[in-house]
C-alpha atoms as a PDB file:
ATOM      1  CA  UNK A   1      -0.009   0.009  -0.027  1.00  0.00           C
ATOM      2  CA  UNK A   2       1.218   3.476  -0.848  1.00  0.00           C
ATOM      3  CA  UNK A   3      -1.273   6.308  -1.370  1.00  0.00           C
ATOM      4  CA  UNK A   4      -3.800   4.472   0.753  1.00  0.00           C
ATOM      5  CA  UNK A   5      -1.630   5.185   3.770  1.00  0.00           C
ATOM      6  CA  UNK A   6      -2.496   8.928   3.396  1.00  0.00           C
ATOM      7  CA  UNK A   7      -6.226   8.381   4.003  1.00  0.00           C
ATOM      8  CA  UNK A   8      -5.978   8.960   7.821  1.00  0.00           C
ATOM      9  CA  UNK A   9      -3.911  12.085   7.168  1.00  0.00           C
ATOM     10  CA  UNK A  10      -6.551  13.594   4.893  1.00  0.00           C
ATOM     11  CA  UNK A  11      -9.342  12.795   7.448  1.00  0.00           C
ATOM     12  CA  UNK A  12      -7.340  14.428  10.272  1.00  0.00           C
ATOM     13  CA  UNK A  13      -6.648  17.525   8.243  1.00  0.00           C
ATOM     14  CA  UNK A  14     -10.362  17.991   7.670  1.00  0.00           C
ATOM     15  CA  UNK A  15     -11.541  17.040  11.133  1.00  0.00           C
ATOM     16  CA  UNK A  16     -14.621  18.886  12.407  1.00  0.00           C
ATOM     17  CA  UNK A  17     -13.147  19.478  15.809  1.00  0.00           C
ATOM     18  CA  UNK A  18     -10.120  21.775  15.460  1.00  0.00           C
ATOM     19  CA  UNK A  19      -8.399  20.146  18.434  1.00  0.00           C
ATOM     20  CA  UNK A  20      -8.145  16.896  16.579  1.00  0.00           C
ATOM     21  CA  UNK A  21      -6.990  18.647  13.307  1.00  0.00           C
ATOM     22  CA  UNK A  22      -3.455  18.195  12.116  1.00  0.00           C
ATOM     23  CA  UNK A  23      -2.060  20.158   9.027  1.00  0.00           C
ATOM     24  CA  UNK A  24      -1.937  18.012   5.923  1.00  0.00           C
ATOM     25  CA  UNK A  25       1.785  18.170   5.515  1.00  0.00           C
ATOM     26  CA  UNK A  26       2.375  16.903   9.110  1.00  0.00           C
ATOM     27  CA  UNK A  27      -0.177  14.188   8.518  1.00  0.00           C
ATOM     28  CA  UNK A  28       1.544  12.982   5.360  1.00  0.00           C
ATOM     29  CA  UNK A  29       4.796  12.675   7.340  1.00  0.00           C
ATOM     30  CA  UNK A  30       3.114  10.935  10.148  1.00  0.00           C
ATOM     31  CA  UNK A  31       1.377   8.300   8.173  1.00  0.00           C
ATOM     32  CA  UNK A  32       4.589   7.365   6.280  1.00  0.00           C
ATOM     33  CA  UNK A  33       7.001   7.992   9.190  1.00  0.00           C
ATOM     34  CA  UNK A  34       7.473   4.218   9.564  1.00  0.00           C
ATOM     35  CA  UNK A  35       8.595   3.889   6.007  1.00  0.00           C
ATOM     36  CA  UNK A  36      10.709   7.098   6.097  1.00  0.00           C
ATOM     37  CA  UNK A  37      12.552   5.441   9.046  1.00  0.00           C
ATOM     38  CA  UNK A  38      12.768   2.167   7.312  1.00  0.00           C
ATOM     39  CA  UNK A  39      14.408   3.459   4.060  1.00  0.00           C
ATOM     40  CA  UNK A  40      16.677   5.726   6.021  1.00  0.00           C
ATOM     41  CA  UNK A  41      17.841   2.729   8.130  1.00  0.00           C
ATOM     42  CA  UNK A  42      18.231   0.696   4.948  1.00  0.00           C
ATOM     43  CA  UNK A  43      20.579   3.350   3.587  1.00  0.00           C
ATOM     44  CA  UNK A  44      22.540   3.154   6.809  1.00  0.00           C
ATOM     45  CA  UNK A  45      22.744  -0.554   6.729  1.00  0.00           C
ATOM     46  CA  UNK A  46      20.695  -1.168   9.948  1.00  0.00           C
ATOM     47  CA  UNK A  47      17.567  -2.747   8.206  1.00  0.00           C
ATOM     48  CA  UNK A  48      17.524  -4.663   4.994  1.00  0.00           C
ATOM     49  CA  UNK A  49      15.431  -5.921   2.185  1.00  0.00           C
ATOM     50  CA  UNK A  50      16.105  -7.650  -1.119  1.00  0.00           C
ATOM     51  CA  UNK A  51      14.337  -7.850  -4.415  1.00  0.00           C
ATOM     52  CA  UNK A  52      12.997 -11.297  -5.313  1.00  0.00           C
ATOM     53  CA  UNK A  53      11.104 -11.509  -8.596  1.00  0.00           C
ATOM     54  CA  UNK A  54       7.410 -12.208  -8.112  1.00  0.00           C
ATOM     55  CA  UNK A  55       7.700 -12.756  -4.325  1.00  0.00           C
ATOM     56  CA  UNK A  56       4.257 -11.036  -4.519  1.00  0.00           C
ATOM     57  CA  UNK A  57       2.032 -10.371  -7.539  1.00  0.00           C
ATOM     58  CA  UNK A  58       2.388  -6.557  -7.159  1.00  0.00           C
ATOM     59  CA  UNK A  59       6.058  -6.039  -6.097  1.00  0.00           C
ATOM     60  CA  UNK A  60       9.296  -7.855  -5.555  1.00  0.00           C
ATOM     61  CA  UNK A  61      10.204  -6.622  -2.031  1.00  0.00           C
ATOM     62  CA  UNK A  62      11.277  -9.283   0.342  1.00  0.00           C
ATOM     63  CA  UNK A  63      11.182  -7.348   3.621  1.00  0.00           C
ATOM     64  CA  UNK A  64      12.985  -9.790   5.672  1.00  0.00           C
ATOM     65  CA  UNK A  65      14.780  -7.502   8.223  1.00  0.00           C
ATOM     66  CA  UNK A  66      12.989  -4.449   9.692  1.00  0.00           C
ATOM     67  CA  UNK A  67      12.669  -4.955  13.469  1.00  0.00           C
ATOM     68  CA  UNK A  68      13.125  -1.296  14.362  1.00  0.00           C
ATOM     69  CA  UNK A  69      10.348   0.022  12.147  1.00  0.00           C
ATOM     70  CA  UNK A  70       7.868  -2.616  11.075  1.00  0.00           C
ATOM     71  CA  UNK A  71       7.508  -4.516  14.376  1.00  0.00           C
ATOM     72  CA  UNK A  72       4.436  -3.432  16.272  1.00  0.00           C
ATOM     73  CA  UNK A  73       6.606  -2.425  19.214  1.00  0.00           C
ATOM     74  CA  UNK A  74       8.885  -0.438  16.923  1.00  0.00           C
ATOM     75  CA  UNK A  75       5.980   1.286  15.401  1.00  0.00           C
ATOM     76  CA  UNK A  76       4.585   2.129  18.756  1.00  0.00           C
ATOM     77  CA  UNK A  77       7.959   3.702  19.563  1.00  0.00           C
ATOM     78  CA  UNK A  78       7.906   5.877  16.426  1.00  0.00           C
ATOM     79  CA  UNK A  79       4.358   6.884  17.214  1.00  0.00           C
ATOM     80  CA  UNK A  80       5.258   7.905  20.739  1.00  0.00           C
ATOM     81  CA  UNK A  81       8.260   9.896  19.551  1.00  0.00           C
ATOM     82  CA  UNK A  82       6.211  11.840  16.936  1.00  0.00           C
ATOM     83  CA  UNK A  83       3.359  12.336  19.474  1.00  0.00           C
ATOM     84  CA  UNK A  84       5.936  13.889  21.844  1.00  0.00           C
ATOM     85  CA  UNK A  85       7.008  16.296  19.192  1.00  0.00           C
ATOM     86  CA  UNK A  86       3.464  17.332  18.441  1.00  0.00           C
ATOM     87  CA  UNK A  87       2.680  17.711  22.173  1.00  0.00           C
ATOM     88  CA  UNK A  88       5.682  19.964  22.663  1.00  0.00           C
ATOM     89  CA  UNK A  89       4.502  22.079  19.709  1.00  0.00           C
ATOM     90  CA  UNK A  90       0.751  22.185  20.325  1.00  0.00           C
ATOM     91  CA  UNK A  91       0.743  21.707  24.092  1.00  0.00           C
ATOM     92  CA  UNK A  92      -2.415  19.710  23.799  1.00  0.00           C
ATOM     93  CA  UNK A  93      -2.727  15.969  24.323  1.00  0.00           C
ATOM     94  CA  UNK A  94      -5.436  15.472  21.748  1.00  0.00           C
ATOM     95  CA  UNK A  95      -3.444  16.405  18.564  1.00  0.00           C
ATOM     96  CA  UNK A  96      -0.571  14.398  20.028  1.00  0.00           C
ATOM     97  CA  UNK A  97      -2.836  11.466  20.355  1.00  0.00           C
ATOM     98  CA  UNK A  98      -4.026  11.914  16.761  1.00  0.00           C
ATOM     99  CA  UNK A  99      -0.454  12.101  15.593  1.00  0.00           C
ATOM    100  CA  UNK A 100       0.356   8.766  17.240  1.00  0.00           C
ATOM    101  CA  UNK A 101      -2.694   7.189  15.714  1.00  0.00           C
ATOM    102  CA  UNK A 102      -1.643   8.299  12.301  1.00  0.00           C
ATOM    103  CA  UNK A 103       1.827   6.774  12.762  1.00  0.00           C
ATOM    104  CA  UNK A 104       0.331   3.532  13.939  1.00  0.00           C
ATOM    105  CA  UNK A 105      -2.164   3.449  11.133  1.00  0.00           C
ATOM    106  CA  UNK A 106       0.833   2.608   8.825  1.00  0.00           C
ATOM    107  CA  UNK A 107       1.499  -0.777  10.560  1.00  0.00           C
ATOM    108  CA  UNK A 108      -2.199  -1.653  10.416  1.00  0.00           C
ATOM    109  CA  UNK A 109      -2.578  -0.917   6.764  1.00  0.00           C
ATOM    110  CA  UNK A 110       0.639  -2.786   6.019  1.00  0.00           C
ATOM    111  CA  UNK A 111      -0.883  -5.767   7.818  1.00  0.00           C
ATOM    112  CA  UNK A 112      -3.536  -5.965   5.166  1.00  0.00           C
ATOM    113  CA  UNK A 113      -1.224  -5.974   2.137  1.00  0.00           C
ATOM    114  CA  UNK A 114       2.141  -7.464   3.143  1.00  0.00           C
ATOM    115  CA  UNK A 115       3.047 -11.020   2.915  1.00  0.00           C
ATOM    116  CA  UNK A 116       3.930 -12.395   6.417  1.00  0.00           C
ATOM    117  CA  UNK A 117       6.857 -10.175   7.208  1.00  0.00           C
ATOM    118  CA  UNK A 118       5.575  -7.966  10.012  1.00  0.00           C
ATOM    119  CA  UNK A 119       6.308  -8.874  13.673  1.00  0.00           C
ATOM    120  CA  UNK A 120       5.269  -7.933  17.138  1.00  0.00           C
ATOM    121  CA  UNK A 121       8.824  -7.245  18.456  1.00  0.00           C
ATOM    122  CA  UNK A 122      11.238  -8.092  15.645  1.00  0.00           C
ATOM    123  CA  UNK A 123      11.086 -11.879  16.031  1.00  0.00           C
ATOM    124  CA  UNK A 124       8.742 -14.554  14.606  1.00  0.00           C
ATOM    125  CA  UNK A 125       5.820 -15.167  14.353  1.00  0.00           C
ATOM    126  CA  UNK A 126       5.372 -12.997  11.322  1.00  0.00           C
ATOM    127  CA  UNK A 127       2.121 -11.544  10.111  1.00  0.00           C
ATOM    128  CA  UNK A 128       0.566 -10.227   6.923  1.00  0.00           C
ATOM    129  CA  UNK A 129      -2.705 -10.875   5.158  1.00  0.00           C
ATOM    130  CA  UNK A 130      -1.040 -10.699   1.695  1.00  0.00           C
ATOM    131  CA  UNK A 131      -3.402  -8.544  -0.362  1.00  0.00           C
ATOM    132  CA  UNK A 132      -0.293  -7.701  -2.649  1.00  0.00           C
ATOM    133  CA  UNK A 133      -1.030 -11.107  -4.048  1.00  0.00           C
ATOM    134  CA  UNK A 134      -4.600 -10.170  -4.900  1.00  0.00           C
ATOM    135  CA  UNK A 135      -4.476  -7.040  -7.116  1.00  0.00           C
ATOM    136  CA  UNK A 136      -8.153  -7.215  -7.895  1.00  0.00           C
ATOM    137  CA  UNK A 137      -8.801  -6.573  -4.206  1.00  0.00           C
ATOM    138  CA  UNK A 138      -5.813  -4.402  -3.265  1.00  0.00           C
ATOM    139  CA  UNK A 139      -6.074  -1.900  -6.141  1.00  0.00           C
ATOM    140  CA  UNK A 140      -9.801  -1.031  -5.643  1.00  0.00           C
ATOM    141  CA  UNK A 141      -9.285  -0.798  -1.870  1.00  0.00           C
ATOM    142  CA  UNK A 142      -6.358   1.491  -2.135  1.00  0.00           C
ATOM    143  CA  UNK A 143      -8.164   3.802  -4.664  1.00  0.00           C
ATOM    144  CA  UNK A 144     -11.200   3.835  -2.521  1.00  0.00           C
ATOM    145  CA  UNK A 145      -9.237   4.983   0.522  1.00  0.00           C
ATOM    146  CA  UNK A 146      -7.216   7.536  -1.235  1.00  0.00           C
ATOM    147  CA  UNK A 147      -9.923   9.017  -3.522  1.00  0.00           C
ATOM    148  CA  UNK A 148     -12.548   8.944  -0.888  1.00  0.00           C
ATOM    149  CA  UNK A 149     -10.603  10.800   1.725  1.00  0.00           C
ATOM    150  CA  UNK A 150      -9.085  13.208  -0.693  1.00  0.00           C
ATOM    151  CA  UNK A 151     -12.647  14.070  -1.894  1.00  0.00           C
ATOM    152  CA  UNK A 152     -13.711  14.593   1.684  1.00  0.00           C
ATOM    153  CA  UNK A 153     -10.765  16.907   2.401  1.00  0.00           C
ATOM    154  CA  UNK A 154     -11.560  18.833  -0.875  1.00  0.00           C
ATOM    155  CA  UNK A 155     -15.187  19.196   0.178  1.00  0.00           C
ATOM    156  CA  UNK A 156     -14.286  20.381   3.680  1.00  0.00           C
ATOM    157  CA  UNK A 157     -11.884  23.039   2.548  1.00  0.00           C
ATOM    158  CA  UNK A 158     -12.002  26.185   0.364  1.00  0.00           C
ATOM    159  CA  UNK A 159      -9.296  27.985  -1.499  1.00  0.00           C
ATOM    160  CA  UNK A 160      -7.702  31.074   0.033  1.00  0.00           C
ATOM    161  CA  UNK A 161      -6.293  32.247  -3.284  1.00  0.00           C
ATOM    162  CA  UNK A 162      -6.049  31.249  -6.942  1.00  0.00           C
ATOM    163  CA  UNK A 163      -3.415  28.562  -6.185  1.00  0.00           C
ATOM    164  CA  UNK A 164      -5.819  26.959  -3.744  1.00  0.00           C
ATOM    165  CA  UNK A 165      -8.277  26.135  -6.449  1.00  0.00           C
ATOM    166  CA  UNK A 166      -5.667  23.936  -8.226  1.00  0.00           C
ATOM    167  CA  UNK A 167      -3.900  22.545  -5.142  1.00  0.00           C
ATOM    168  CA  UNK A 168      -6.063  19.432  -4.578  1.00  0.00           C
ATOM    169  CA  UNK A 169      -5.931  18.370  -8.233  1.00  0.00           C
ATOM    170  CA  UNK A 170      -2.166  18.758  -8.207  1.00  0.00           C
ATOM    171  CA  UNK A 171      -1.933  16.725  -5.070  1.00  0.00           C
ATOM    172  CA  UNK A 172      -4.117  14.094  -6.627  1.00  0.00           C
ATOM    173  CA  UNK A 173      -1.973  13.984  -9.842  1.00  0.00           C
ATOM    174  CA  UNK A 174       1.280  13.598  -7.863  1.00  0.00           C
ATOM    175  CA  UNK A 175      -0.164  10.860  -5.713  1.00  0.00           C
ATOM    176  CA  UNK A 176      -1.479   9.097  -8.830  1.00  0.00           C
ATOM    177  CA  UNK A 177       1.902   9.326 -10.621  1.00  0.00           C
ATOM    178  CA  UNK A 178       3.804   7.718  -7.740  1.00  0.00           C
ATOM    179  CA  UNK A 179       1.161   5.119  -7.293  1.00  0.00           C
ATOM    180  CA  UNK A 180       1.281   4.206 -10.963  1.00  0.00           C
ATOM    181  CA  UNK A 181       5.123   3.719 -10.554  1.00  0.00           C
ATOM    182  CA  UNK A 182       4.611   1.625  -7.476  1.00  0.00           C
ATOM    183  CA  UNK A 183       2.043  -0.580  -9.275  1.00  0.00           C
ATOM    184  CA  UNK A 184       3.394  -0.942 -12.647  1.00  0.00           C
ATOM    185  CA  UNK A 185       7.199  -0.873 -12.319  1.00  0.00           C
ATOM    186  CA  UNK A 186       8.615  -3.994 -13.920  1.00  0.00           C
ATOM    187  CA  UNK A 187       9.808  -6.622 -11.515  1.00  0.00           C
ATOM    188  CA  UNK A 188      13.506  -7.624 -11.715  1.00  0.00           C
ATOM    189  CA  UNK A 189      14.558 -10.652 -13.547  1.00  0.00           C
ATOM    190  CA  UNK A 190      16.840 -11.948 -10.835  1.00  0.00           C
ATOM    191  CA  UNK A 191      17.288 -11.648  -7.073  1.00  0.00           C
ATOM    192  CA  UNK A 192      19.056  -8.484  -5.970  1.00  0.00           C
ATOM    193  CA  UNK A 193      20.396  -8.916  -2.476  1.00  0.00           C
ATOM    194  CA  UNK A 194      20.741  -6.428  -0.888  1.00  0.00           C
ATOM    195  CA  UNK A 195      18.319  -4.093  -2.548  1.00  0.00           C
ATOM    196  CA  UNK A 196      20.112  -1.095  -4.208  1.00  0.00           C
ATOM    197  CA  UNK A 197      20.543   2.163  -2.421  1.00  0.00           C
ATOM    198  CA  UNK A 198      18.709   3.808  -5.256  1.00  0.00           C
ATOM    199  CA  UNK A 199      15.513   2.101  -4.169  1.00  0.00           C
ATOM    200  CA  UNK A 200      15.728   3.685  -0.767  1.00  0.00           C
ATOM    201  CA  UNK A 201      16.623   7.132  -2.113  1.00  0.00           C
ATOM    202  CA  UNK A 202      13.622   6.956  -4.584  1.00  0.00           C
ATOM    203  CA  UNK A 203      11.320   6.036  -1.793  1.00  0.00           C
ATOM    204  CA  UNK A 204      12.512   8.873   0.430  1.00  0.00           C
ATOM    205  CA  UNK A 205      12.210  11.293  -2.529  1.00  0.00           C
ATOM    206  CA  UNK A 206       8.616  10.225  -3.180  1.00  0.00           C
ATOM    207  CA  UNK A 207       7.534  10.551   0.530  1.00  0.00           C
ATOM    208  CA  UNK A 208       9.197  13.954   1.034  1.00  0.00           C
ATOM    209  CA  UNK A 209       7.930  15.300  -2.294  1.00  0.00           C
ATOM    210  CA  UNK A 210       4.364  14.188  -1.386  1.00  0.00           C
ATOM    211  CA  UNK A 211       4.605  15.774   1.994  1.00  0.00           C
ATOM    212  CA  UNK A 212       5.797  18.945   0.432  1.00  0.00           C
ATOM    213  CA  UNK A 213       2.843  19.063  -1.982  1.00  0.00           C
ATOM    214  CA  UNK A 214       0.523  18.296   0.818  1.00  0.00           C
ATOM    215  CA  UNK A 215       2.035  21.212   2.867  1.00  0.00           C
ATOM    216  CA  UNK A 216       1.673  23.531  -0.169  1.00  0.00           C
ATOM    217  CA  UNK A 217      -1.916  22.356  -0.537  1.00  0.00           C
ATOM    218  CA  UNK A 218      -2.819  23.149   2.990  1.00  0.00           C
ATOM    219  CA  UNK A 219      -1.180  26.646   2.784  1.00  0.00           C
ATOM    220  CA  UNK A 220      -3.617  27.566   0.076  1.00  0.00           C
ATOM    221  CA  UNK A 221      -6.855  26.195   1.554  1.00  0.00           C
ATOM    222  CA  UNK A 222      -8.696  26.596   4.805  1.00  0.00           C
ATOM    223  CA  UNK A 223     -11.498  24.611   6.534  1.00  0.00           C
ATOM    224  CA  UNK A 224     -14.959  25.529   5.244  1.00  0.00           C
ATOM    225  CA  UNK A 225     -16.853  27.447   7.968  1.00  0.00           C
END
């Protein structure tokens, strides 16, 4: 799952109660914080994955070593850290709690799509419902999550200037472009172990660019009164 991860961020950015509301850019970082940490640790040689052709129907990632980010305990730790940052900034426990929930949503969505490679604390047993092997289920599910929540955010906000009228479509196009790459990139014809650093850099670039576009979108729109 890629753009589906952003669904909770779009909901939080358009929350009816302002105390629960988080800016869209922060929400985009929160929902992908686990992967931002994973690919950063991959580049540092702390966590690892390899590319195995057709290990799932939708991608070749064999995510065999990610105890610090994709264990449930690890994800809770990242959520607590991010919540602490938000609490220091907002001085309100409610947005901090929302931030923690956004971070933890990543692990729960991954549980739906990953093959069994998620753990509780970095050791077996491993969990994953494997929807990446069922594109006819995963693709409509991801589109429904992303499109539905983006439409909700769009309907709950109004532009503050001319750029604001085009911001949601621009965000949608950027999300769609990266999702298309994620879905339709050809799988390798051989095992690549370890995965190349370029894969980590590309992932970080995608996450940070999307967060930047989300931040730009929020700057040009406000909640409808």
